[in-house]
Amino acid sequence: MATKQRILCLAPGRATPGITLARAITDREGSILLSAGTVLDLAMLERLIRRGVDAISVLVPDNRDEATIADELRAAQRRIETIFRGPGNPAREQLHAAVLNYRIESTK
Protein backbone atom coordinates (compact mmCIF):
# COMPACT_ATOMS: atom_id res chain seq x y z
CA MET A 1 0.00 0.00 0.00
CA ALA A 2 1.31 3.47 -0.91
CA THR A 3 2.25 5.81 1.90
CA LYS A 4 -0.20 8.66 2.41
CA GLN A 5 1.38 12.02 1.60
CA ARG A 6 0.55 15.66 2.09
CA ILE A 7 1.77 18.87 0.53
CA LEU A 8 3.72 21.36 2.61
CA CYS A 9 4.97 24.77 1.60
CA LEU A 10 8.55 25.36 2.74
CA ALA A 11 11.36 27.80 2.19
CA PRO A 12 14.05 26.07 0.10
CA GLY A 13 16.47 26.49 3.01
CA ARG A 14 14.22 24.36 5.23
CA ALA A 15 13.84 21.53 2.70
CA THR A 16 16.12 18.52 2.79
CA PRO A 17 17.76 16.74 -0.13
CA GLY A 18 15.65 13.82 -1.33
CA ILE A 19 12.33 15.62 -0.93
CA THR A 20 9.93 15.60 -3.91
CA LEU A 21 8.31 18.66 -5.46
CA ALA A 22 4.52 18.62 -5.36
CA ARG A 23 4.19 21.55 -7.78
CA ALA A 24 6.43 22.92 -10.51
CA ILE A 25 8.68 25.86 -9.69
CA THR A 26 8.56 28.70 -12.19
CA ASP A 27 10.58 31.87 -12.64
CA ARG A 28 9.09 35.36 -12.81
CA GLU A 29 8.35 34.95 -16.53
CA GLY A 30 6.51 31.66 -15.96
CA SER A 31 9.22 29.38 -17.35
CA ILE A 32 9.48 26.07 -15.51
CA LEU A 33 12.65 25.78 -13.45
CA LEU A 34 11.82 22.36 -11.97
CA SER A 35 8.85 20.11 -12.70
CA ALA A 36 6.47 18.58 -10.19
CA GLY A 37 7.78 15.18 -9.15
CA THR A 38 11.43 16.27 -9.22
CA VAL A 39 13.45 14.84 -6.35
CA LEU A 40 15.56 17.70 -5.03
CA ASP A 41 19.25 17.37 -4.27
CA LEU A 42 21.46 19.78 -2.34
CA ALA A 43 22.70 21.59 -5.46
CA MET A 44 19.12 22.20 -6.64
CA LEU A 45 18.10 23.58 -3.25
CA GLU A 46 21.13 25.88 -3.21
CA ARG A 47 20.29 27.17 -6.70
CA LEU A 48 16.71 27.88 -5.64
CA ILE A 49 17.97 29.87 -2.67
CA ARG A 50 20.40 31.84 -4.88
CA ARG A 51 17.58 32.58 -7.36
CA GLY A 52 15.51 34.04 -4.53
CA VAL A 53 12.75 31.42 -4.57
CA ASP A 54 10.78 32.08 -1.38
CA ALA A 55 8.72 28.90 -1.12
CA ILE A 56 8.34 25.47 -2.67
CA SER A 57 5.53 22.91 -2.40
CA VAL A 58 6.82 19.48 -1.45
CA LEU A 59 5.39 16.05 -0.72
CA VAL A 60 6.01 14.62 2.74
CA PRO A 61 4.79 11.40 4.36
CA ASP A 62 1.58 11.91 6.31
CA ASN A 63 1.40 9.56 9.28
CA ARG A 64 -1.37 11.49 11.04
CA ASP A 65 -4.56 9.66 11.99
CA GLU A 66 -8.04 11.13 11.43
CA ALA A 67 -8.29 12.37 15.04
CA THR A 68 -5.00 14.27 14.75
CA ILE A 69 -6.08 15.84 11.47
CA ALA A 70 -9.40 16.88 13.03
CA ASP A 71 -7.54 18.41 16.02
CA GLU A 72 -5.22 20.33 13.67
CA LEU A 73 -8.19 21.61 11.65
CA ARG A 74 -9.95 22.85 14.81
CA ALA A 75 -6.75 24.56 16.00
CA ALA A 76 -6.24 26.25 12.61
CA GLN A 77 -9.84 27.47 12.60
CA ARG A 78 -9.46 28.87 16.14
CA ARG A 79 -6.28 30.74 15.13
CA ILE A 80 -7.98 32.25 12.08
CA GLU A 81 -11.05 33.25 14.12
CA THR A 82 -8.76 34.96 16.66
CA ILE A 83 -6.93 36.87 13.93
CA PHE A 84 -10.19 38.00 12.30
CA ARG A 85 -12.19 38.66 15.47
CA GLY A 86 -14.37 41.72 15.67
CA PRO A 87 -16.38 43.56 13.06
CA GLY A 88 -15.10 43.93 9.54
CA ASN A 89 -15.97 44.98 6.05
CA PRO A 90 -16.72 42.85 2.98
CA ALA A 91 -13.08 42.84 1.83
CA ARG A 92 -11.96 41.66 5.26
CA GLU A 93 -14.60 38.92 5.19
CA GLN A 94 -13.31 37.77 1.79
CA LEU A 95 -9.76 37.67 3.13
CA HIS A 96 -10.95 35.77 6.19
CA ALA A 97 -12.67 33.17 3.99
CA ALA A 98 -9.61 32.84 1.71
CA VAL A 99 -7.19 32.39 4.63
CA LEU A 100 -9.51 29.90 6.33
CA ASN A 101 -9.91 27.87 3.13
CA TYR A 102 -6.14 27.87 2.59
CA ARG A 103 -5.49 26.67 6.14
CA ILE A 104 -8.12 23.94 5.87
CA GLU A 105 -6.70 22.67 2.57
CA SER A 106 -3.10 22.78 3.79
CA THR A 107 -4.01 20.90 7.00
CA LYS A 108 -5.93 18.06 5.32
PDB file of N, CA and C in Angstrom:
ATOM      1  N   MET A   1       0.842  -1.190   0.000  1.00  0.00           N
ATOM      2  CA  MET A   1       0.000   0.000   0.000  1.00  0.00           C
ATOM      3  C   MET A   1       0.879   1.244   0.000  1.00  0.00           C
ATOM      4  N   ALA A   2       0.526   2.236  -0.806  1.00  0.00           N
ATOM      5  CA  ALA A   2       1.305   3.467  -0.907  1.00  0.00           C
ATOM      6  C   ALA A   2       1.172   4.275   0.372  1.00  0.00           C
ATOM      7  N   THR A   3       2.247   4.950   0.724  1.00  0.00           N
ATOM      8  CA  THR A   3       2.246   5.808   1.897  1.00  0.00           C
ATOM      9  C   THR A   3       1.437   7.061   1.598  1.00  0.00           C
ATOM     10  N   LYS A   4       0.585   7.434   2.536  1.00  0.00           N
ATOM     11  CA  LYS A   4      -0.197   8.658   2.406  1.00  0.00           C
ATOM     12  C   LYS A   4       0.761   9.844   2.471  1.00  0.00           C
ATOM     13  N   GLN A   5       0.526  10.842   1.621  1.00  0.00           N
ATOM     14  CA  GLN A   5       1.380  12.020   1.597  1.00  0.00           C
ATOM     15  C   GLN A   5       0.539  13.276   1.688  1.00  0.00           C
ATOM     16  N   ARG A   6       1.193  14.358   2.076  1.00  0.00           N
ATOM     17  CA  ARG A   6       0.545  15.657   2.093  1.00  0.00           C
ATOM     18  C   ARG A   6       1.495  16.671   1.505  1.00  0.00           C
ATOM     19  N   ILE A   7       0.963  17.801   1.127  1.00  0.00           N
ATOM     20  CA  ILE A   7       1.765  18.867   0.534  1.00  0.00           C
ATOM     21  C   ILE A   7       2.047  19.917   1.598  1.00  0.00           C
ATOM     22  N   LEU A   8       3.316  20.274   1.722  1.00  0.00           N
ATOM     23  CA  LEU A   8       3.722  21.361   2.612  1.00  0.00           C
ATOM     24  C   LEU A   8       4.411  22.434   1.793  1.00  0.00           C
ATOM     25  N   CYS A   9       4.281  23.651   2.225  1.00  0.00           N
ATOM     26  CA  CYS A   9       4.968  24.774   1.599  1.00  0.00           C
ATOM     27  C   CYS A   9       6.132  25.151   2.511  1.00  0.00           C
ATOM     28  N   LEU A  10       7.353  25.093   1.960  1.00  0.00           N
ATOM     29  CA  LEU A  10       8.555  25.360   2.745  1.00  0.00           C
ATOM     30  C   LEU A  10       9.463  26.347   2.028  1.00  0.00           C
ATOM     31  N   ALA A  11      10.265  27.041   2.788  1.00  0.00           N
ATOM     32  CA  ALA A  11      11.361  27.803   2.192  1.00  0.00           C
ATOM     33  C   ALA A  11      12.395  26.788   1.717  1.00  0.00           C
ATOM     34  N   PRO A  12      13.052  27.030   0.589  1.00  0.00           N
ATOM     35  CA  PRO A  12      14.046  26.069   0.101  1.00  0.00           C
ATOM     36  C   PRO A  12      15.134  25.758   1.134  1.00  0.00           C
ATOM     37  N   GLY A  13      15.455  26.713   1.979  1.00  0.00           N
ATOM     38  CA  GLY A  13      16.469  26.493   3.010  1.00  0.00           C
ATOM     39  C   GLY A  13      16.028  25.543   4.112  1.00  0.00           C
ATOM     40  N   ARG A  14      14.735  25.287   4.218  1.00  0.00           N
ATOM     41  CA  ARG A  14      14.217  24.361   5.229  1.00  0.00           C
ATOM     42  C   ARG A  14      13.974  22.965   4.662  1.00  0.00           C
ATOM     43  N   ALA A  15      14.041  22.837   3.343  1.00  0.00           N
ATOM     44  CA  ALA A  15      13.843  21.532   2.697  1.00  0.00           C
ATOM     45  C   ALA A  15      15.125  20.712   2.787  1.00  0.00           C
ATOM     46  N   THR A  16      14.966  19.413   2.725  1.00  0.00           N
ATOM     47  CA  THR A  16      16.122  18.519   2.787  1.00  0.00           C
ATOM     48  C   THR A  16      16.303  17.806   1.453  1.00  0.00           C
ATOM     49  N   PRO A  17      17.534  17.500   1.097  1.00  0.00           N
ATOM     50  CA  PRO A  17      17.760  16.741  -0.129  1.00  0.00           C
ATOM     51  C   PRO A  17      16.969  15.428  -0.085  1.00  0.00           C
ATOM     52  N   GLY A  18      16.439  15.043  -1.245  1.00  0.00           N
ATOM     53  CA  GLY A  18      15.654  13.822  -1.332  1.00  0.00           C
ATOM     54  C   GLY A  18      14.162  14.065  -1.282  1.00  0.00           C
ATOM     55  N   ILE A  19      13.758  15.287  -0.990  1.00  0.00           N
ATOM     56  CA  ILE A  19      12.334  15.624  -0.930  1.00  0.00           C
ATOM     57  C   ILE A  19      11.813  15.837  -2.356  1.00  0.00           C
ATOM     58  N   THR A  20      10.527  15.540  -2.571  1.00  0.00           N
ATOM     59  CA  THR A  20       9.931  15.605  -3.907  1.00  0.00           C
ATOM     60  C   THR A  20       9.033  16.827  -4.050  1.00  0.00           C
ATOM     61  N   LEU A  21       9.163  17.508  -5.186  1.00  0.00           N
ATOM     62  CA  LEU A  21       8.310  18.662  -5.457  1.00  0.00           C
ATOM     63  C   LEU A  21       6.882  18.223  -5.741  1.00  0.00           C
ATOM     64  N   ALA A  22       5.932  18.891  -5.117  1.00  0.00           N
ATOM     65  CA  ALA A  22       4.523  18.619  -5.360  1.00  0.00           C
ATOM     66  C   ALA A  22       4.010  19.459  -6.529  1.00  0.00           C
ATOM     67  N   ARG A  23       4.588  20.642  -6.709  1.00  0.00           N
ATOM     68  CA  ARG A  23       4.189  21.547  -7.784  1.00  0.00           C
ATOM     69  C   ARG A  23       5.448  22.061  -8.481  1.00  0.00           C
ATOM     70  N   ALA A  24       5.306  22.373  -9.745  1.00  0.00           N
ATOM     71  CA  ALA A  24       6.428  22.918 -10.506  1.00  0.00           C
ATOM     72  C   ALA A  24       6.866  24.259  -9.916  1.00  0.00           C
ATOM     73  N   ILE A  25       8.136  24.565 -10.095  1.00  0.00           N
ATOM     74  CA  ILE A  25       8.676  25.858  -9.691  1.00  0.00           C
ATOM     75  C   ILE A  25       8.928  26.642 -10.969  1.00  0.00           C
ATOM     76  N   THR A  26       8.389  27.860 -11.019  1.00  0.00           N
ATOM     77  CA  THR A  26       8.563  28.705 -12.195  1.00  0.00           C
ATOM     78  C   THR A  26       9.306  29.976 -11.843  1.00  0.00           C
ATOM     79  N   ASP A  27       9.922  30.579 -12.856  1.00  0.00           N
ATOM     80  CA  ASP A  27      10.578  31.866 -12.639  1.00  0.00           C
ATOM     81  C   ASP A  27       9.550  32.983 -12.826  1.00  0.00           C
ATOM     82  N   ARG A  28       9.998  34.215 -12.730  1.00  0.00           N
ATOM     83  CA  ARG A  28       9.088  35.364 -12.813  1.00  0.00           C
ATOM     84  C   ARG A  28       8.361  35.457 -14.157  1.00  0.00           C
ATOM     85  N   GLU A  29       8.967  34.918 -15.199  1.00  0.00           N
ATOM     86  CA  GLU A  29       8.349  34.948 -16.530  1.00  0.00           C
ATOM     87  C   GLU A  29       7.433  33.755 -16.772  1.00  0.00           C
ATOM     88  N   GLY A  30       7.377  32.824 -15.817  1.00  0.00           N
ATOM     89  CA  GLY A  30       6.514  31.659 -15.961  1.00  0.00           C
ATOM     90  C   GLY A  30       7.191  30.438 -16.552  1.00  0.00           C
ATOM     91  N   SER A  31       8.482  30.540 -16.840  1.00  0.00           N
ATOM     92  CA  SER A  31       9.215  29.378 -17.351  1.00  0.00           C
ATOM     93  C   SER A  31       9.447  28.388 -16.221  1.00  0.00           C
ATOM     94  N   ILE A  32       9.315  27.109 -16.538  1.00  0.00           N
ATOM     95  CA  ILE A  32       9.482  26.073 -15.509  1.00  0.00           C
ATOM     96  C   ILE A  32      10.958  25.877 -15.201  1.00  0.00           C
ATOM     97  N   LEU A  33      11.289  26.038 -13.919  1.00  0.00           N
ATOM     98  CA  LEU A  33      12.652  25.776 -13.450  1.00  0.00           C
ATOM     99  C   LEU A  33      12.804  24.301 -13.089  1.00  0.00           C
ATOM    100  N   LEU A  34      11.829  23.777 -12.369  1.00  0.00           N
ATOM    101  CA  LEU A  34      11.819  22.364 -11.967  1.00  0.00           C
ATOM    102  C   LEU A  34      10.379  21.872 -12.027  1.00  0.00           C
ATOM    103  N   SER A  35      10.185  20.683 -12.549  1.00  0.00           N
ATOM    104  CA  SER A  35       8.851  20.107 -12.700  1.00  0.00           C
ATOM    105  C   SER A  35       8.373  19.443 -11.417  1.00  0.00           C
ATOM    106  N   ALA A  36       7.054  19.356 -11.283  1.00  0.00           N
ATOM    107  CA  ALA A  36       6.468  18.585 -10.186  1.00  0.00           C
ATOM    108  C   ALA A  36       6.982  17.156 -10.298  1.00  0.00           C
ATOM    109  N   GLY A  37       7.267  16.544  -9.164  1.00  0.00           N
ATOM    110  CA  GLY A  37       7.783  15.178  -9.147  1.00  0.00           C
ATOM    111  C   GLY A  37       9.293  15.106  -9.101  1.00  0.00           C
ATOM    112  N   THR A  38       9.967  16.246  -9.284  1.00  0.00           N
ATOM    113  CA  THR A  38      11.430  16.271  -9.221  1.00  0.00           C
ATOM    114  C   THR A  38      11.880  15.996  -7.789  1.00  0.00           C
ATOM    115  N   VAL A  39      12.841  15.102  -7.648  1.00  0.00           N
ATOM    116  CA  VAL A  39      13.447  14.840  -6.346  1.00  0.00           C
ATOM    117  C   VAL A  39      14.622  15.801  -6.211  1.00  0.00           C
ATOM    118  N   LEU A  40      14.564  16.640  -5.196  1.00  0.00           N
ATOM    119  CA  LEU A  40      15.564  17.696  -5.032  1.00  0.00           C
ATOM    120  C   LEU A  40      16.842  17.178  -4.392  1.00  0.00           C
ATOM    121  N   ASP A  41      17.970  17.661  -4.913  1.00  0.00           N
ATOM    122  CA  ASP A  41      19.251  17.373  -4.272  1.00  0.00           C
ATOM    123  C   ASP A  41      19.793  18.685  -3.692  1.00  0.00           C
ATOM    124  N   LEU A  42      20.907  18.610  -3.016  1.00  0.00           N
ATOM    125  CA  LEU A  42      21.458  19.783  -2.341  1.00  0.00           C
ATOM    126  C   LEU A  42      21.780  20.897  -3.325  1.00  0.00           C
ATOM    127  N   ALA A  43      22.345  20.563  -4.466  1.00  0.00           N
ATOM    128  CA  ALA A  43      22.702  21.588  -5.461  1.00  0.00           C
ATOM    129  C   ALA A  43      21.448  22.309  -5.960  1.00  0.00           C
ATOM    130  N   MET A  44      20.368  21.575  -6.194  1.00  0.00           N
ATOM    131  CA  MET A  44      19.120  22.200  -6.643  1.00  0.00           C
ATOM    132  C   MET A  44      18.587  23.159  -5.587  1.00  0.00           C
ATOM    133  N   LEU A  45      18.591  22.725  -4.340  1.00  0.00           N
ATOM    134  CA  LEU A  45      18.105  23.584  -3.252  1.00  0.00           C
ATOM    135  C   LEU A  45      18.940  24.851  -3.143  1.00  0.00           C
ATOM    136  N   GLU A  46      20.250  24.712  -3.270  1.00  0.00           N
ATOM    137  CA  GLU A  46      21.130  25.883  -3.205  1.00  0.00           C
ATOM    138  C   GLU A  46      20.863  26.845  -4.357  1.00  0.00           C
ATOM    139  N   ARG A  47      20.609  26.313  -5.556  1.00  0.00           N
ATOM    140  CA  ARG A  47      20.294  27.174  -6.705  1.00  0.00           C
ATOM    141  C   ARG A  47      18.974  27.910  -6.488  1.00  0.00           C
ATOM    142  N   LEU A  48      17.988  27.221  -5.920  1.00  0.00           N
ATOM    143  CA  LEU A  48      16.710  27.880  -5.643  1.00  0.00           C
ATOM    144  C   LEU A  48      16.890  29.032  -4.660  1.00  0.00           C
ATOM    145  N   ILE A  49      17.695  28.814  -3.648  1.00  0.00           N
ATOM    146  CA  ILE A  49      17.969  29.870  -2.666  1.00  0.00           C
ATOM    147  C   ILE A  49      18.661  31.041  -3.350  1.00  0.00           C
ATOM    148  N   ARG A  50      19.682  30.760  -4.174  1.00  0.00           N
ATOM    149  CA  ARG A  50      20.401  31.836  -4.878  1.00  0.00           C
ATOM    150  C   ARG A  50      19.488  32.606  -5.831  1.00  0.00           C
ATOM    151  N   ARG A  51      18.514  31.929  -6.436  1.00  0.00           N
ATOM    152  CA  ARG A  51      17.577  32.585  -7.363  1.00  0.00           C
ATOM    153  C   ARG A  51      16.514  33.382  -6.624  1.00  0.00           C
ATOM    154  N   GLY A  52      16.478  33.275  -5.305  1.00  0.00           N
ATOM    155  CA  GLY A  52      15.509  34.037  -4.525  1.00  0.00           C
ATOM    156  C   GLY A  52      14.127  33.409  -4.446  1.00  0.00           C
ATOM    157  N   VAL A  53      14.044  32.097  -4.692  1.00  0.00           N
ATOM    158  CA  VAL A  53      12.752  31.416  -4.566  1.00  0.00           C
ATOM    159  C   VAL A  53      12.376  31.394  -3.094  1.00  0.00           C
ATOM    160  N   ASP A  54      11.209  31.952  -2.778  1.00  0.00           N
ATOM    161  CA  ASP A  54      10.781  32.081  -1.384  1.00  0.00           C
ATOM    162  C   ASP A  54      10.189  30.807  -0.802  1.00  0.00           C
ATOM    163  N   ALA A  55       9.437  30.067  -1.634  1.00  0.00           N
ATOM    164  CA  ALA A  55       8.723  28.900  -1.121  1.00  0.00           C
ATOM    165  C   ALA A  55       8.579  27.845  -2.209  1.00  0.00           C
ATOM    166  N   ILE A  56       8.562  26.600  -1.770  1.00  0.00           N
ATOM    167  CA  ILE A  56       8.343  25.471  -2.669  1.00  0.00           C
ATOM    168  C   ILE A  56       7.298  24.556  -2.037  1.00  0.00           C
ATOM    169  N   SER A  57       6.526  23.879  -2.878  1.00  0.00           N
ATOM    170  CA  SER A  57       5.535  22.910  -2.401  1.00  0.00           C
ATOM    171  C   SER A  57       6.132  21.522  -2.557  1.00  0.00           C
ATOM    172  N   VAL A  58       6.186  20.796  -1.446  1.00  0.00           N
ATOM    173  CA  VAL A  58       6.822  19.479  -1.447  1.00  0.00           C
ATOM    174  C   VAL A  58       5.884  18.425  -0.870  1.00  0.00           C
ATOM    175  N   LEU A  59       6.142  17.182  -1.260  1.00  0.00           N
ATOM    176  CA  LEU A  59       5.393  16.051  -0.720  1.00  0.00           C
ATOM    177  C   LEU A  59       6.141  15.477   0.474  1.00  0.00           C
ATOM    178  N   VAL A  60       5.410  15.242   1.541  1.00  0.00           N
ATOM    179  CA  VAL A  60       6.007  14.620   2.737  1.00  0.00           C
ATOM    180  C   VAL A  60       5.086  13.497   3.198  1.00  0.00           C
ATOM    181  N   PRO A  61       5.646  12.473   3.831  1.00  0.00           N
ATOM    182  CA  PRO A  61       4.792  11.404   4.357  1.00  0.00           C
ATOM    183  C   PRO A  61       3.821  11.974   5.382  1.00  0.00           C
ATOM    184  N   ASP A  62       2.604  11.457   5.372  1.00  0.00           N
ATOM    185  CA  ASP A  62       1.576  11.913   6.309  1.00  0.00           C
ATOM    186  C   ASP A  62       1.144  10.731   7.155  1.00  0.00           C
ATOM    187  N   ASN A  63       1.686  10.662   8.360  1.00  0.00           N
ATOM    188  CA  ASN A  63       1.398   9.561   9.276  1.00  0.00           C
ATOM    189  C   ASN A  63       0.318   9.919  10.291  1.00  0.00           C
ATOM    190  N   ARG A  64      -0.353  11.053  10.088  1.00  0.00           N
ATOM    191  CA  ARG A  64      -1.374  11.485  11.038  1.00  0.00           C
ATOM    192  C   ARG A  64      -2.620  10.614  10.903  1.00  0.00           C
ATOM    193  N   ASP A  65      -3.275  10.368  12.042  1.00  0.00           N
ATOM    194  CA  ASP A  65      -4.555   9.655  11.992  1.00  0.00           C
ATOM    195  C   ASP A  65      -5.678  10.692  11.872  1.00  0.00           C
ATOM    196  N   GLU A  66      -6.899  10.224  11.650  1.00  0.00           N
ATOM    197  CA  GLU A  66      -8.038  11.134  11.433  1.00  0.00           C
ATOM    198  C   GLU A  66      -8.283  12.046  12.635  1.00  0.00           C
ATOM    199  N   ALA A  67      -8.077  11.544  13.841  1.00  0.00           N
ATOM    200  CA  ALA A  67      -8.288  12.367  15.039  1.00  0.00           C
ATOM    201  C   ALA A  67      -7.274  13.509  15.100  1.00  0.00           C
ATOM    202  N   THR A  68      -6.029  13.233  14.749  1.00  0.00           N
ATOM    203  CA  THR A  68      -4.996  14.265  14.752  1.00  0.00           C
ATOM    204  C   THR A  68      -5.301  15.321  13.703  1.00  0.00           C
ATOM    205  N   ILE A  69      -5.719  14.886  12.522  1.00  0.00           N
ATOM    206  CA  ILE A  69      -6.078  15.839  11.467  1.00  0.00           C
ATOM    207  C   ILE A  69      -7.237  16.715  11.926  1.00  0.00           C
ATOM    208  N   ALA A  70      -8.255  16.119  12.539  1.00  0.00           N
ATOM    209  CA  ALA A  70      -9.400  16.883  13.035  1.00  0.00           C
ATOM    210  C   ALA A  70      -8.961  17.899  14.093  1.00  0.00           C
ATOM    211  N   ASP A  71      -8.058  17.495  15.001  1.00  0.00           N
ATOM    212  CA  ASP A  71      -7.536  18.415  16.018  1.00  0.00           C
ATOM    213  C   ASP A  71      -6.792  19.581  15.363  1.00  0.00           C
ATOM    214  N   GLU A  72      -5.971  19.285  14.356  1.00  0.00           N
ATOM    215  CA  GLU A  72      -5.220  20.328  13.669  1.00  0.00           C
ATOM    216  C   GLU A  72      -6.155  21.287  12.934  1.00  0.00           C
ATOM    217  N   LEU A  73      -7.214  20.753  12.327  1.00  0.00           N
ATOM    218  CA  LEU A  73      -8.192  21.606  11.652  1.00  0.00           C
ATOM    219  C   LEU A  73      -8.889  22.547  12.639  1.00  0.00           C
ATOM    220  N   ARG A  74      -9.300  22.008  13.790  1.00  0.00           N
ATOM    221  CA  ARG A  74      -9.947  22.850  14.805  1.00  0.00           C
ATOM    222  C   ARG A  74      -8.983  23.932  15.299  1.00  0.00           C
ATOM    223  N   ALA A  75      -7.728  23.581  15.531  1.00  0.00           N
ATOM    224  CA  ALA A  75      -6.746  24.557  16.002  1.00  0.00           C
ATOM    225  C   ALA A  75      -6.516  25.647  14.950  1.00  0.00           C
ATOM    226  N   ALA A  76      -6.434  25.266  13.681  1.00  0.00           N
ATOM    227  CA  ALA A  76      -6.244  26.251  12.607  1.00  0.00           C
ATOM    228  C   ALA A  76      -7.443  27.189  12.536  1.00  0.00           C
ATOM    229  N   GLN A  77      -8.637  26.636  12.642  1.00  0.00           N
ATOM    230  CA  GLN A  77      -9.841  27.470  12.603  1.00  0.00           C
ATOM    231  C   GLN A  77      -9.879  28.445  13.773  1.00  0.00           C
ATOM    232  N   ARG A  78      -9.485  27.980  14.971  1.00  0.00           N
ATOM    233  CA  ARG A  78      -9.458  28.868  16.142  1.00  0.00           C
ATOM    234  C   ARG A  78      -8.458  30.014  15.930  1.00  0.00           C
ATOM    235  N   ARG A  79      -7.276  29.692  15.370  1.00  0.00           N
ATOM    236  CA  ARG A  79      -6.279  30.743  15.129  1.00  0.00           C
ATOM    237  C   ARG A  79      -6.806  31.784  14.145  1.00  0.00           C
ATOM    238  N   ILE A  80      -7.440  31.321  13.081  1.00  0.00           N
ATOM    239  CA  ILE A  80      -7.977  32.249  12.081  1.00  0.00           C
ATOM    240  C   ILE A  80      -9.088  33.101  12.692  1.00  0.00           C
ATOM    241  N   GLU A  81      -9.971  32.490  13.486  1.00  0.00           N
ATOM    242  CA  GLU A  81     -11.053  33.246  14.123  1.00  0.00           C
ATOM    243  C   GLU A  81     -10.493  34.294  15.079  1.00  0.00           C
ATOM    244  N   THR A  82      -9.391  33.990  15.758  1.00  0.00           N
ATOM    245  CA  THR A  82      -8.757  34.957  16.661  1.00  0.00           C
ATOM    246  C   THR A  82      -8.179  36.120  15.861  1.00  0.00           C
ATOM    247  N   ILE A  83      -7.521  35.816  14.764  1.00  0.00           N
ATOM    248  CA  ILE A  83      -6.927  36.872  13.934  1.00  0.00           C
ATOM    249  C   ILE A  83      -8.004  37.791  13.369  1.00  0.00           C
ATOM    250  N   PHE A  84      -9.129  37.221  12.955  1.00  0.00           N
ATOM    251  CA  PHE A  84     -10.188  37.996  12.298  1.00  0.00           C
ATOM    252  C   PHE A  84     -11.351  38.318  13.237  1.00  0.00           C
ATOM    253  N   ARG A  85     -11.104  38.367  14.532  1.00  0.00           N
ATOM    254  CA  ARG A  85     -12.192  38.659  15.472  1.00  0.00           C
ATOM    255  C   ARG A  85     -12.629  40.117  15.327  1.00  0.00           C
ATOM    256  N   GLY A  86     -13.837  40.358  15.718  1.00  0.00           N
ATOM    257  CA  GLY A  86     -14.369  41.717  15.665  1.00  0.00           C
ATOM    258  C   GLY A  86     -15.026  42.025  14.335  1.00  0.00           C
ATOM    259  N   PRO A  87     -15.663  43.193  14.283  1.00  0.00           N
ATOM    260  CA  PRO A  87     -16.380  43.565  13.060  1.00  0.00           C
ATOM    261  C   PRO A  87     -15.408  43.841  11.915  1.00  0.00           C
ATOM    262  N   GLY A  88     -15.927  43.680  10.716  1.00  0.00           N
ATOM    263  CA  GLY A  88     -15.103  43.925   9.540  1.00  0.00           C
ATOM    264  C   GLY A  88     -15.939  44.385   8.374  1.00  0.00           C
ATOM    265  N   ASN A  89     -15.283  44.570   7.270  1.00  0.00           N
ATOM    266  CA  ASN A  89     -15.968  44.983   6.055  1.00  0.00           C
ATOM    267  C   ASN A  89     -15.978  43.822   5.062  1.00  0.00           C
ATOM    268  N   PRO A  90     -16.653  43.964   3.934  1.00  0.00           N
ATOM    269  CA  PRO A  90     -16.724  42.847   2.979  1.00  0.00           C
ATOM    270  C   PRO A  90     -15.354  42.358   2.487  1.00  0.00           C
ATOM    271  N   ALA A  91     -14.419  43.256   2.288  1.00  0.00           N
ATOM    272  CA  ALA A  91     -13.083  42.843   1.831  1.00  0.00           C
ATOM    273  C   ALA A  91     -12.393  42.004   2.910  1.00  0.00           C
ATOM    274  N   ARG A  92     -12.552  42.421   4.152  1.00  0.00           N
ATOM    275  CA  ARG A  92     -11.964  41.663   5.264  1.00  0.00           C
ATOM    276  C   ARG A  92     -12.602  40.282   5.365  1.00  0.00           C
ATOM    277  N   GLU A  93     -13.904  40.207   5.151  1.00  0.00           N
ATOM    278  CA  GLU A  93     -14.599  38.919   5.190  1.00  0.00           C
ATOM    279  C   GLU A  93     -14.112  38.006   4.072  1.00  0.00           C
ATOM    280  N   GLN A  94     -13.848  38.563   2.893  1.00  0.00           N
ATOM    281  CA  GLN A  94     -13.305  37.765   1.785  1.00  0.00           C
ATOM    282  C   GLN A  94     -11.915  37.239   2.131  1.00  0.00           C
ATOM    283  N   LEU A  95     -11.095  38.100   2.723  1.00  0.00           N
ATOM    284  CA  LEU A  95      -9.760  37.674   3.129  1.00  0.00           C
ATOM    285  C   LEU A  95      -9.855  36.583   4.191  1.00  0.00           C
ATOM    286  N   HIS A  96     -10.738  36.764   5.146  1.00  0.00           N
ATOM    287  CA  HIS A  96     -10.954  35.771   6.195  1.00  0.00           C
ATOM    288  C   HIS A  96     -11.300  34.424   5.580  1.00  0.00           C
ATOM    289  N   ALA A  97     -12.243  34.410   4.634  1.00  0.00           N
ATOM    290  CA  ALA A  97     -12.665  33.166   3.986  1.00  0.00           C
ATOM    291  C   ALA A  97     -11.506  32.537   3.205  1.00  0.00           C
ATOM    292  N   ALA A  98     -10.739  33.366   2.496  1.00  0.00           N
ATOM    293  CA  ALA A  98      -9.611  32.845   1.709  1.00  0.00           C
ATOM    294  C   ALA A  98      -8.543  32.230   2.612  1.00  0.00           C
ATOM    295  N   VAL A  99      -8.206  32.913   3.706  1.00  0.00           N
ATOM    296  CA  VAL A  99      -7.192  32.389   4.635  1.00  0.00           C
ATOM    297  C   VAL A  99      -7.696  31.105   5.290  1.00  0.00           C
ATOM    298  N   LEU A 100      -8.938  31.094   5.703  1.00  0.00           N
ATOM    299  CA  LEU A 100      -9.506  29.904   6.331  1.00  0.00           C
ATOM    300  C   LEU A 100      -9.502  28.721   5.359  1.00  0.00           C
ATOM    301  N   ASN A 101      -9.924  28.946   4.119  1.00  0.00           N
ATOM    302  CA  ASN A 101      -9.907  27.867   3.127  1.00  0.00           C
ATOM    303  C   ASN A 101      -8.496  27.350   2.873  1.00  0.00           C
ATOM    304  N   TYR A 102      -7.535  28.274   2.784  1.00  0.00           N
ATOM    305  CA  TYR A 102      -6.143  27.871   2.587  1.00  0.00           C
ATOM    306  C   TYR A 102      -5.662  26.997   3.743  1.00  0.00           C
ATOM    307  N   ARG A 103      -5.939  27.428   4.967  1.00  0.00           N
ATOM    308  CA  ARG A 103      -5.489  26.675   6.141  1.00  0.00           C
ATOM    309  C   ARG A 103      -6.154  25.297   6.202  1.00  0.00           C
ATOM    310  N   ILE A 104      -7.418  25.223   5.860  1.00  0.00           N
ATOM    311  CA  ILE A 104      -8.116  23.938   5.868  1.00  0.00           C
ATOM    312  C   ILE A 104      -7.496  22.998   4.831  1.00  0.00           C
ATOM    313  N   GLU A 105      -7.281  23.509   3.627  1.00  0.00           N
ATOM    314  CA  GLU A 105      -6.705  22.668   2.570  1.00  0.00           C
ATOM    315  C   GLU A 105      -5.274  22.250   2.904  1.00  0.00           C
ATOM    316  N   SER A 106      -4.492  23.130   3.498  1.00  0.00           N
ATOM    317  CA  SER A 106      -3.097  22.777   3.795  1.00  0.00           C
ATOM    318  C   SER A 106      -2.980  21.855   5.013  1.00  0.00           C
ATOM    319  N   THR A 107      -4.034  21.775   5.821  1.00  0.00           N
ATOM    320  CA  THR A 107      -4.005  20.903   6.999  1.00  0.00           C
ATOM    321  C   THR A 107      -4.466  19.501   6.654  1.00  0.00           C
ATOM    322  N   LYS A 108      -5.347  19.369   5.675  1.00  0.00           N
ATOM    323  CA  LYS A 108      -5.928  18.064   5.322  1.00  0.00           C
ATOM    324  C   LYS A 108      -4.871  17.054   4.947  1.00  0.00           C
TER     325      LYS A 108
END
